C-alpha cells in the first residue's frame, strides 16, 4: 500500500508501521512515507491502538485526525493488504 500510494501526487503522509528494520529502511525511500517501529502481535486491536499511540507520541498526528489504516489478515503473517479501517485519533 505504501509504495503504490507514494507515487501519487499528494502531500498526505503515509505511515508504515513494521517491526522489520529492513522494511523500515526500504519504505523510507518512498515519497511521503514515514516508517515507524511497531512490535508484532496477532491481536489486531492491540496493534491498531499501539500504532495510533506511536503516531500521537511522535507528533505525527493529533487528536481528531482521521487515519485510514490498512493491514493484512491474518496478523503476523507476511502477505498483502486485505483489510482497512477508518479511525479518528483519540476516539478508540
PDB file of N, CA and C in Angstrom:
ATOM      1  N   UNK A   1       0.831  -1.199   0.000  1.00  0.00           N
ATOM      2  CA  UNK A   1       0.000   0.000   0.000  1.00  0.00           C
ATOM      3  C   UNK A   1       0.870   1.255   0.000  1.00  0.00           C
ATOM      4  N   UNK A   2       1.893   1.289   0.836  1.00  0.00           N
ATOM      5  CA  UNK A   2       2.749   2.463   0.922  1.00  0.00           C
ATOM      6  C   UNK A   2       3.431   2.789  -0.388  1.00  0.00           C
ATOM      7  N   UNK A   3       4.003   1.784  -1.052  1.00  0.00           N
ATOM      8  CA  UNK A   3       4.707   2.013  -2.310  1.00  0.00           C
ATOM      9  C   UNK A   3       3.743   2.464  -3.388  1.00  0.00           C
ATOM     10  N   UNK A   4       2.600   1.823  -3.489  1.00  0.00           N
ATOM     11  CA  UNK A   4       1.620   2.189  -4.511  1.00  0.00           C
ATOM     12  C   UNK A   4       1.112   3.606  -4.296  1.00  0.00           C
ATOM     13  N   UNK A   5       0.829   3.979  -3.073  1.00  0.00           N
ATOM     14  CA  UNK A   5       0.277   5.300  -2.772  1.00  0.00           C
ATOM     15  C   UNK A   5       1.329   6.391  -2.825  1.00  0.00           C
ATOM     16  N   UNK A   6       2.586   6.056  -2.589  1.00  0.00           N
ATOM     17  CA  UNK A   6       3.625   7.078  -2.525  1.00  0.00           C
ATOM     18  C   UNK A   6       3.896   7.701  -3.882  1.00  0.00           C
ATOM     19  N   UNK A   7       3.501   7.043  -4.955  1.00  0.00           N
ATOM     20  CA  UNK A   7       3.704   7.590  -6.288  1.00  0.00           C
ATOM     21  C   UNK A   7       2.674   8.635  -6.659  1.00  0.00           C
ATOM     22  N   UNK A   8       1.590   8.712  -5.922  1.00  0.00           N
ATOM     23  CA  UNK A   8       0.551   9.700  -6.195  1.00  0.00           C
ATOM     24  C   UNK A   8       1.072  11.093  -5.867  1.00  0.00           C
ATOM     25  N   UNK A   9       0.566  12.096  -6.562  1.00  0.00           N
ATOM     26  CA  UNK A   9       0.987  13.472  -6.335  1.00  0.00           C
ATOM     27  C   UNK A   9       0.147  14.077  -5.212  1.00  0.00           C
ATOM     28  N   UNK A  10       0.426  13.646  -3.987  1.00  0.00           N
ATOM     29  CA  UNK A  10      -0.314  14.110  -2.820  1.00  0.00           C
ATOM     30  C   UNK A  10       0.661  14.519  -1.729  1.00  0.00           C
ATOM     31  N   UNK A  11       0.183  15.346  -0.826  1.00  0.00           N
ATOM     32  CA  UNK A  11       1.006  15.761   0.308  1.00  0.00           C
ATOM     33  C   UNK A  11       0.624  15.028   1.580  1.00  0.00           C
ATOM     34  N   UNK A  12      -0.291  14.095   1.490  1.00  0.00           N
ATOM     35  CA  UNK A  12      -0.736  13.345   2.654  1.00  0.00           C
ATOM     36  C   UNK A  12       0.340  12.352   3.067  1.00  0.00           C
ATOM     37  N   UNK A  13       0.755  12.385   4.331  1.00  0.00           N
ATOM     38  CA  UNK A  13       1.785  11.434   4.758  1.00  0.00           C
ATOM     39  C   UNK A  13       1.246  10.008   4.812  1.00  0.00           C
ATOM     40  N   UNK A  14       2.123   9.075   4.547  1.00  0.00           N
ATOM     41  CA  UNK A  14       1.816   7.651   4.650  1.00  0.00           C
ATOM     42  C   UNK A  14       2.718   7.103   5.744  1.00  0.00           C
ATOM     43  N   UNK A  15       2.129   6.462   6.745  1.00  0.00           N
ATOM     44  CA  UNK A  15       2.889   5.918   7.859  1.00  0.00           C
ATOM     45  C   UNK A  15       2.998   4.413   7.689  1.00  0.00           C
ATOM     46  N   UNK A  16       4.219   3.914   7.661  1.00  0.00           N
ATOM     47  CA  UNK A  16       4.461   2.476   7.548  1.00  0.00           C
ATOM     48  C   UNK A  16       4.902   1.967   8.912  1.00  0.00           C
ATOM     49  N   UNK A  17       4.078   1.136   9.519  1.00  0.00           N
ATOM     50  CA  UNK A  17       4.348   0.601  10.853  1.00  0.00           C
ATOM     51  C   UNK A  17       4.775  -0.852  10.703  1.00  0.00           C
ATOM     52  N   UNK A  18       5.994  -1.163  11.149  1.00  0.00           N
ATOM     53  CA  UNK A  18       6.509  -2.516  10.971  1.00  0.00           C
ATOM     54  C   UNK A  18       7.581  -2.826  12.014  1.00  0.00           C
ATOM     55  N   UNK A  19       7.695  -4.089  12.419  1.00  0.00           N
ATOM     56  CA  UNK A  19       8.778  -4.468  13.323  1.00  0.00           C
ATOM     57  C   UNK A  19      10.086  -4.722  12.569  1.00  0.00           C
ATOM     58  N   UNK A  20      10.038  -4.754  11.257  1.00  0.00           N
ATOM     59  CA  UNK A  20      11.204  -5.096  10.441  1.00  0.00           C
ATOM     60  C   UNK A  20      12.049  -3.861  10.120  1.00  0.00           C
ATOM     61  N   UNK A  21      13.290  -3.858  10.591  1.00  0.00           N
ATOM     62  CA  UNK A  21      14.212  -2.758  10.295  1.00  0.00           C
ATOM     63  C   UNK A  21      14.455  -2.677   8.790  1.00  0.00           C
ATOM     64  N   UNK A  22      14.590  -3.821   8.129  1.00  0.00           N
ATOM     65  CA  UNK A  22      14.816  -3.841   6.679  1.00  0.00           C
ATOM     66  C   UNK A  22      13.651  -3.185   5.942  1.00  0.00           C
ATOM     67  N   UNK A  23      12.432  -3.484   6.365  1.00  0.00           N
ATOM     68  CA  UNK A  23      11.258  -2.881   5.730  1.00  0.00           C
ATOM     69  C   UNK A  23      11.204  -1.390   6.019  1.00  0.00           C
ATOM     70  N   UNK A  24      11.532  -0.988   7.242  1.00  0.00           N
ATOM     71  CA  UNK A  24      11.546   0.438   7.582  1.00  0.00           C
ATOM     72  C   UNK A  24      12.514   1.190   6.678  1.00  0.00           C
ATOM     73  N   UNK A  25      13.689   0.628   6.466  1.00  0.00           N
ATOM     74  CA  UNK A  25      14.695   1.276   5.612  1.00  0.00           C
ATOM     75  C   UNK A  25      14.221   1.356   4.164  1.00  0.00           C
ATOM     76  N   UNK A  26      13.589   0.293   3.700  1.00  0.00           N
ATOM     77  CA  UNK A  26      13.116   0.249   2.315  1.00  0.00           C
ATOM     78  C   UNK A  26      12.023   1.287   2.073  1.00  0.00           C
ATOM     79  N   UNK A  27      10.997   1.311   2.926  1.00  0.00           N
ATOM     80  CA  UNK A  27       9.874   2.219   2.685  1.00  0.00           C
ATOM     81  C   UNK A  27      10.239   3.676   2.956  1.00  0.00           C
ATOM     82  N   UNK A  28      11.293   3.912   3.723  1.00  0.00           N
ATOM     83  CA  UNK A  28      11.735   5.281   3.980  1.00  0.00           C
ATOM     84  C   UNK A  28      12.194   5.968   2.690  1.00  0.00           C
ATOM     85  N   UNK A  29      12.487   5.183   1.662  1.00  0.00           N
ATOM     86  CA  UNK A  29      12.914   5.733   0.379  1.00  0.00           C
ATOM     87  C   UNK A  29      11.733   6.165  -0.491  1.00  0.00           C
ATOM     88  N   UNK A  30      10.532   5.753  -0.147  1.00  0.00           N
ATOM     89  CA  UNK A  30       9.347   6.107  -0.926  1.00  0.00           C
ATOM     90  C   UNK A  30       8.883   7.515  -0.553  1.00  0.00           C
ATOM     91  N   UNK A  31       8.408   8.257  -1.530  1.00  0.00           N
ATOM     92  CA  UNK A  31       7.939   9.623  -1.305  1.00  0.00           C
ATOM     93  C   UNK A  31       6.724   9.623  -0.375  1.00  0.00           C
ATOM     94  N   UNK A  32       6.712  10.539   0.567  1.00  0.00           N
ATOM     95  CA  UNK A  32       5.619  10.743   1.532  1.00  0.00           C
ATOM     96  C   UNK A  32       5.463   9.618   2.556  1.00  0.00           C
ATOM     97  N   UNK A  33       6.379   8.652   2.590  1.00  0.00           N
ATOM     98  CA  UNK A  33       6.256   7.533   3.531  1.00  0.00           C
ATOM     99  C   UNK A  33       7.196   7.757   4.710  1.00  0.00           C
ATOM    100  N   UNK A  34       6.645   7.648   5.911  1.00  0.00           N
ATOM    101  CA  UNK A  34       7.431   7.729   7.148  1.00  0.00           C
ATOM    102  C   UNK A  34       7.323   6.379   7.844  1.00  0.00           C
ATOM    103  N   UNK A  35       8.459   5.798   8.138  1.00  0.00           N
ATOM    104  CA  UNK A  35       8.484   4.468   8.752  1.00  0.00           C
ATOM    105  C   UNK A  35       8.643   4.580  10.267  1.00  0.00           C
ATOM    106  N   UNK A  36       7.888   3.742  10.980  1.00  0.00           N
ATOM    107  CA  UNK A  36       7.952   3.681  12.440  1.00  0.00           C
ATOM    108  C   UNK A  36       8.012   2.227  12.879  1.00  0.00           C
ATOM    109  N   UNK A  37       8.755   1.995  13.957  1.00  0.00           N
ATOM    110  CA  UNK A  37       8.836   0.650  14.524  1.00  0.00           C
ATOM    111  C   UNK A  37       7.563   0.349  15.313  1.00  0.00           C
ATOM    112  N   UNK A  38       7.057  -0.863  15.131  1.00  0.00           N
ATOM    113  CA  UNK A  38       5.879  -1.308  15.867  1.00  0.00           C
ATOM    114  C   UNK A  38       6.035  -2.791  16.129  1.00  0.00           C
ATOM    115  N   UNK A  39       5.932  -3.177  17.390  1.00  0.00           N
ATOM    116  CA  UNK A  39       6.073  -4.589  17.744  1.00  0.00           C
ATOM    117  C   UNK A  39       4.983  -5.423  17.089  1.00  0.00           C
ATOM    118  N   UNK A  40       5.341  -6.643  16.756  1.00  0.00           N
ATOM    119  CA  UNK A  40       4.410  -7.575  16.126  1.00  0.00           C
ATOM    120  C   UNK A  40       3.479  -8.189  17.168  1.00  0.00           C
ATOM    121  N   UNK A  41       2.230  -8.401  16.778  1.00  0.00           N
ATOM    122  CA  UNK A  41       1.239  -9.022  17.654  1.00  0.00           C
ATOM    123  C   UNK A  41       0.133  -9.615  16.798  1.00  0.00           C
ATOM    124  N   UNK A  42      -0.445 -10.737  17.221  1.00  0.00           N
ATOM    125  CA  UNK A  42      -1.579 -11.303  16.484  1.00  0.00           C
ATOM    126  C   UNK A  42      -2.905 -10.606  16.815  1.00  0.00           C
ATOM    127  N   UNK A  43      -2.896  -9.715  17.816  1.00  0.00           N
ATOM    128  CA  UNK A  43      -4.105  -9.022  18.262  1.00  0.00           C
ATOM    129  C   UNK A  43      -4.280  -7.720  17.474  1.00  0.00           C
ATOM    130  N   UNK A  44      -5.179  -7.724  16.504  1.00  0.00           N
ATOM    131  CA  UNK A  44      -5.385  -6.582  15.614  1.00  0.00           C
ATOM    132  C   UNK A  44      -5.693  -5.301  16.372  1.00  0.00           C
ATOM    133  N   UNK A  45      -6.611  -5.344  17.320  1.00  0.00           N
ATOM    134  CA  UNK A  45      -6.992  -4.129  18.052  1.00  0.00           C
ATOM    135  C   UNK A  45      -5.825  -3.578  18.872  1.00  0.00           C
ATOM    136  N   UNK A  46      -5.004  -4.461  19.435  1.00  0.00           N
ATOM    137  CA  UNK A  46      -3.823  -4.020  20.186  1.00  0.00           C
ATOM    138  C   UNK A  46      -2.821  -3.340  19.256  1.00  0.00           C
ATOM    139  N   UNK A  47      -2.647  -3.894  18.064  1.00  0.00           N
ATOM    140  CA  UNK A  47      -1.724  -3.306  17.089  1.00  0.00           C
ATOM    141  C   UNK A  47      -2.237  -1.939  16.634  1.00  0.00           C
ATOM    142  N   UNK A  48      -3.528  -1.834  16.351  1.00  0.00           N
ATOM    143  CA  UNK A  48      -4.093  -0.554  15.920  1.00  0.00           C
ATOM    144  C   UNK A  48      -3.944   0.508  17.010  1.00  0.00           C
ATOM    145  N   UNK A  49      -4.197   0.133  18.253  1.00  0.00           N
ATOM    146  CA  UNK A  49      -4.045   1.072  19.372  1.00  0.00           C
ATOM    147  C   UNK A  49      -2.583   1.482  19.544  1.00  0.00           C
ATOM    148  N   UNK A  50      -1.672   0.520  19.414  1.00  0.00           N
ATOM    149  CA  UNK A  50      -0.242   0.818  19.546  1.00  0.00           C
ATOM    150  C   UNK A  50       0.232   1.731  18.417  1.00  0.00           C
ATOM    151  N   UNK A  51      -0.247   1.488  17.205  1.00  0.00           N
ATOM    152  CA  UNK A  51       0.134   2.328  16.066  1.00  0.00           C
ATOM    153  C   UNK A  51      -0.343   3.766  16.273  1.00  0.00           C
ATOM    154  N   UNK A  52      -1.576   3.917  16.712  1.00  0.00           N
ATOM    155  CA  UNK A  52      -2.114   5.251  16.977  1.00  0.00           C
ATOM    156  C   UNK A  52      -1.299   5.950  18.061  1.00  0.00           C
ATOM    157  N   UNK A  53      -0.924   5.227  19.112  1.00  0.00           N
ATOM    158  CA  UNK A  53      -0.138   5.799  20.211  1.00  0.00           C
ATOM    159  C   UNK A  53       1.240   6.246  19.727  1.00  0.00           C
ATOM    160  N   UNK A  54       1.904   5.411  18.922  1.00  0.00           N
ATOM    161  CA  UNK A  54       3.222   5.772  18.387  1.00  0.00           C
ATOM    162  C   UNK A  54       3.117   7.062  17.579  1.00  0.00           C
ATOM    163  N   UNK A  55       2.147   7.127  16.680  1.00  0.00           N
ATOM    164  CA  UNK A  55       1.992   8.311  15.835  1.00  0.00           C
ATOM    165  C   UNK A  55       1.654   9.552  16.658  1.00  0.00           C
ATOM    166  N   UNK A  56       0.814   9.402  17.671  1.00  0.00           N
ATOM    167  CA  UNK A  56       0.452  10.521  18.537  1.00  0.00           C
ATOM    168  C   UNK A  56       1.660  10.975  19.354  1.00  0.00           C
ATOM    169  N   UNK A  57       2.365  10.024  19.959  1.00  0.00           N
ATOM    170  CA  UNK A  57       3.529  10.349  20.792  1.00  0.00           C
ATOM    171  C   UNK A  57       4.646  11.007  19.990  1.00  0.00           C
ATOM    172  N   UNK A  58       4.791  10.647  18.716  1.00  0.00           N
ATOM    173  CA  UNK A  58       5.830  11.223  17.849  1.00  0.00           C
ATOM    174  C   UNK A  58       5.404  12.565  17.257  1.00  0.00           C
ATOM    175  N   UNK A  59       4.157  12.956  17.502  1.00  0.00           N
ATOM    176  CA  UNK A  59       3.668  14.220  16.970  1.00  0.00           C
ATOM    177  C   UNK A  59       3.271  14.159  15.504  1.00  0.00           C
ATOM    178  N   UNK A  60       3.144  12.954  14.975  1.00  0.00           N
ATOM    179  CA  UNK A  60       2.779  12.783  13.566  1.00  0.00           C
ATOM    180  C   UNK A  60       1.291  13.015  13.334  1.00  0.00           C
ATOM    181  N   UNK A  61       0.484  12.795  14.374  1.00  0.00           N
ATOM    182  CA  UNK A  61      -0.962  13.024  14.297  1.00  0.00           C
ATOM    183  C   UNK A  61      -1.404  13.722  15.574  1.00  0.00           C
ATOM    184  N   UNK A  62      -2.580  14.324  15.501  1.00  0.00           N
ATOM    185  CA  UNK A  62      -3.147  14.957  16.698  1.00  0.00           C
ATOM    186  C   UNK A  62      -4.564  14.443  16.903  1.00  0.00           C
ATOM    187  N   UNK A  63      -5.082  14.652  18.092  1.00  0.00           N
ATOM    188  CA  UNK A  63      -6.434  14.203  18.430  1.00  0.00           C
ATOM    189  C   UNK A  63      -7.428  14.765  17.407  1.00  0.00           C
ATOM    190  N   UNK A  64      -8.291  13.883  16.895  1.00  0.00           N
ATOM    191  CA  UNK A  64      -9.296  14.278  15.921  1.00  0.00           C
ATOM    192  C   UNK A  64      -8.898  14.042  14.478  1.00  0.00           C
ATOM    193  N   UNK A  65      -7.593  13.804  14.223  1.00  0.00           N
ATOM    194  CA  UNK A  65      -7.159  13.489  12.856  1.00  0.00           C
ATOM    195  C   UNK A  65      -7.801  12.186  12.391  1.00  0.00           C
ATOM    196  N   UNK A  66      -8.037  12.086  11.105  1.00  0.00           N
ATOM    197  CA  UNK A  66      -8.581  10.869  10.522  1.00  0.00           C
ATOM    198  C   UNK A  66      -7.447  10.048   9.931  1.00  0.00           C
ATOM    199  N   UNK A  67      -7.424   8.763  10.268  1.00  0.00           N
ATOM    200  CA  UNK A  67      -6.432   7.835   9.724  1.00  0.00           C
ATOM    201  C   UNK A  67      -7.144   6.760   8.913  1.00  0.00           C
ATOM    202  N   UNK A  68      -6.568   6.420   7.778  1.00  0.00           N
ATOM    203  CA  UNK A  68      -7.009   5.260   7.015  1.00  0.00           C
ATOM    204  C   UNK A  68      -5.941   4.204   7.254  1.00  0.00           C
ATOM    205  N   UNK A  69      -6.312   3.152   7.965  1.00  0.00           N
ATOM    206  CA  UNK A  69      -5.363   2.118   8.375  1.00  0.00           C
ATOM    207  C   UNK A  69      -5.587   0.879   7.519  1.00  0.00           C
ATOM    208  N   UNK A  70      -4.503   0.353   6.955  1.00  0.00           N
ATOM    209  CA  UNK A  70      -4.595  -0.889   6.184  1.00  0.00           C
ATOM    210  C   UNK A  70      -3.647  -1.912   6.783  1.00  0.00           C
ATOM    211  N   UNK A  71      -3.985  -3.188   6.630  1.00  0.00           N
ATOM    212  CA  UNK A  71      -3.144  -4.269   7.137  1.00  0.00           C
ATOM    213  C   UNK A  71      -3.510  -5.552   6.419  1.00  0.00           C
ATOM    214  N   UNK A  72      -2.730  -6.569   6.677  1.00  0.00           N
ATOM    215  CA  UNK A  72      -3.010  -7.886   6.109  1.00  0.00           C
ATOM    216  C   UNK A  72      -3.513  -8.836   7.171  1.00  0.00           C
ATOM    217  N   UNK A  73      -4.509  -9.607   6.828  1.00  0.00           N
ATOM    218  CA  UNK A  73      -5.030 -10.663   7.705  1.00  0.00           C
ATOM    219  C   UNK A  73      -4.615 -12.000   7.126  1.00  0.00           C
ATOM    220  N   UNK A  74      -4.236 -12.961   7.940  1.00  0.00           N
ATOM    221  CA  UNK A  74      -4.131 -12.893   9.393  1.00  0.00           C
ATOM    222  C   UNK A  74      -2.910 -12.078   9.825  1.00  0.00           C
ATOM    223  N   UNK A  75      -3.044 -11.448  10.981  1.00  0.00           N
ATOM    224  CA  UNK A  75      -1.968 -10.624  11.526  1.00  0.00           C
ATOM    225  C   UNK A  75      -0.735 -11.480  11.790  1.00  0.00           C
ATOM    226  N   UNK A  76       0.434 -10.866  11.600  1.00  0.00           N
ATOM    227  CA  UNK A  76       1.682 -11.547  11.899  1.00  0.00           C
ATOM    228  C   UNK A  76       2.220 -12.418  10.783  1.00  0.00           C
ATOM    229  N   UNK A  77       1.522 -12.485   9.653  1.00  0.00           N
ATOM    230  CA  UNK A  77       1.993 -13.279   8.525  1.00  0.00           C
ATOM    231  C   UNK A  77       2.312 -12.349   7.363  1.00  0.00           C
ATOM    232  N   UNK A  78       3.404 -12.647   6.675  1.00  0.00           N
ATOM    233  CA  UNK A  78       3.794 -11.855   5.518  1.00  0.00           C
ATOM    234  C   UNK A  78       2.775 -12.073   4.412  1.00  0.00           C
ATOM    235  N   UNK A  79       2.384 -11.009   3.774  1.00  0.00           N
ATOM    236  CA  UNK A  79       1.414 -11.115   2.686  1.00  0.00           C
ATOM    237  C   UNK A  79       0.908  -9.748   2.290  1.00  0.00           C
ATOM    238  N   UNK A  80      -0.140  -9.725   1.519  1.00  0.00           N
ATOM    239  CA  UNK A  80      -0.678  -8.472   1.019  1.00  0.00           C
ATOM    240  C   UNK A  80      -1.651  -7.818   1.978  1.00  0.00           C
ATOM    241  N   UNK A  81      -2.043  -6.614   1.617  1.00  0.00           N
ATOM    242  CA  UNK A  81      -3.032  -5.864   2.381  1.00  0.00           C
ATOM    243  C   UNK A  81      -4.423  -6.298   1.951  1.00  0.00           C
ATOM    244  N   UNK A  82      -5.255  -6.663   2.919  1.00  0.00           N
ATOM    245  CA  UNK A  82      -6.606  -7.100   2.580  1.00  0.00           C
ATOM    246  C   UNK A  82      -7.664  -6.580   3.554  1.00  0.00           C
ATOM    247  N   UNK A  83      -7.299  -5.587   4.369  1.00  0.00           N
ATOM    248  CA  UNK A  83      -8.259  -5.038   5.326  1.00  0.00           C
ATOM    249  C   UNK A  83      -7.987  -3.543   5.505  1.00  0.00           C
ATOM    250  N   UNK A  84      -9.037  -2.796   5.858  1.00  0.00           N
ATOM    251  CA  UNK A  84      -8.919  -1.356   6.031  1.00  0.00           C
ATOM    252  C   UNK A  84      -9.900  -0.893   7.113  1.00  0.00           C
ATOM    253  N   UNK A  85      -9.492   0.147   7.843  1.00  0.00           N
ATOM    254  CA  UNK A  85     -10.358   0.731   8.860  1.00  0.00           C
ATOM    255  C   UNK A  85     -10.093   2.232   8.894  1.00  0.00           C
ATOM    256  N   UNK A  86     -11.138   3.016   8.999  1.00  0.00           N
ATOM    257  CA  UNK A  86     -11.005   4.463   9.129  1.00  0.00           C
ATOM    258  C   UNK A  86     -11.244   4.803  10.593  1.00  0.00           C
ATOM    259  N   UNK A  87     -10.271   5.497  11.198  1.00  0.00           N
ATOM    260  CA  UNK A  87     -10.364   5.821  12.623  1.00  0.00           C
ATOM    261  C   UNK A  87     -10.067   7.297  12.858  1.00  0.00           C
ATOM    262  N   UNK A  88     -10.641   7.835  13.918  1.00  0.00           N
ATOM    263  CA  UNK A  88     -10.329   9.189  14.381  1.00  0.00           C
ATOM    264  C   UNK A  88      -9.386   9.054  15.564  1.00  0.00           C
ATOM    265  N   UNK A  89      -8.274   9.764  15.531  1.00  0.00           N
ATOM    266  CA  UNK A  89      -7.288   9.699  16.604  1.00  0.00           C
ATOM    267  C   UNK A  89      -7.931  10.149  17.912  1.00  0.00           C
ATOM    268  N   UNK A  90      -7.762   9.322  18.939  1.00  0.00           N
ATOM    269  CA  UNK A  90      -8.276   9.639  20.264  1.00  0.00           C
ATOM    270  C   UNK A  90      -9.683   9.156  20.536  1.00  0.00           C
ATOM    271  N   UNK A  91     -10.304   8.486  19.581  1.00  0.00           N
ATOM    272  CA  UNK A  91     -11.674   8.016  19.779  1.00  0.00           C
ATOM    273  C   UNK A  91     -11.776   6.511  19.973  1.00  0.00           C
ATOM    274  N   UNK A  92     -10.639   5.827  20.041  1.00  0.00           N
ATOM    275  CA  UNK A  92     -10.719   4.366  20.210  1.00  0.00           C
ATOM    276  C   UNK A  92     -10.513   3.971  21.650  1.00  0.00           C
TER     277      UNK A  92
END
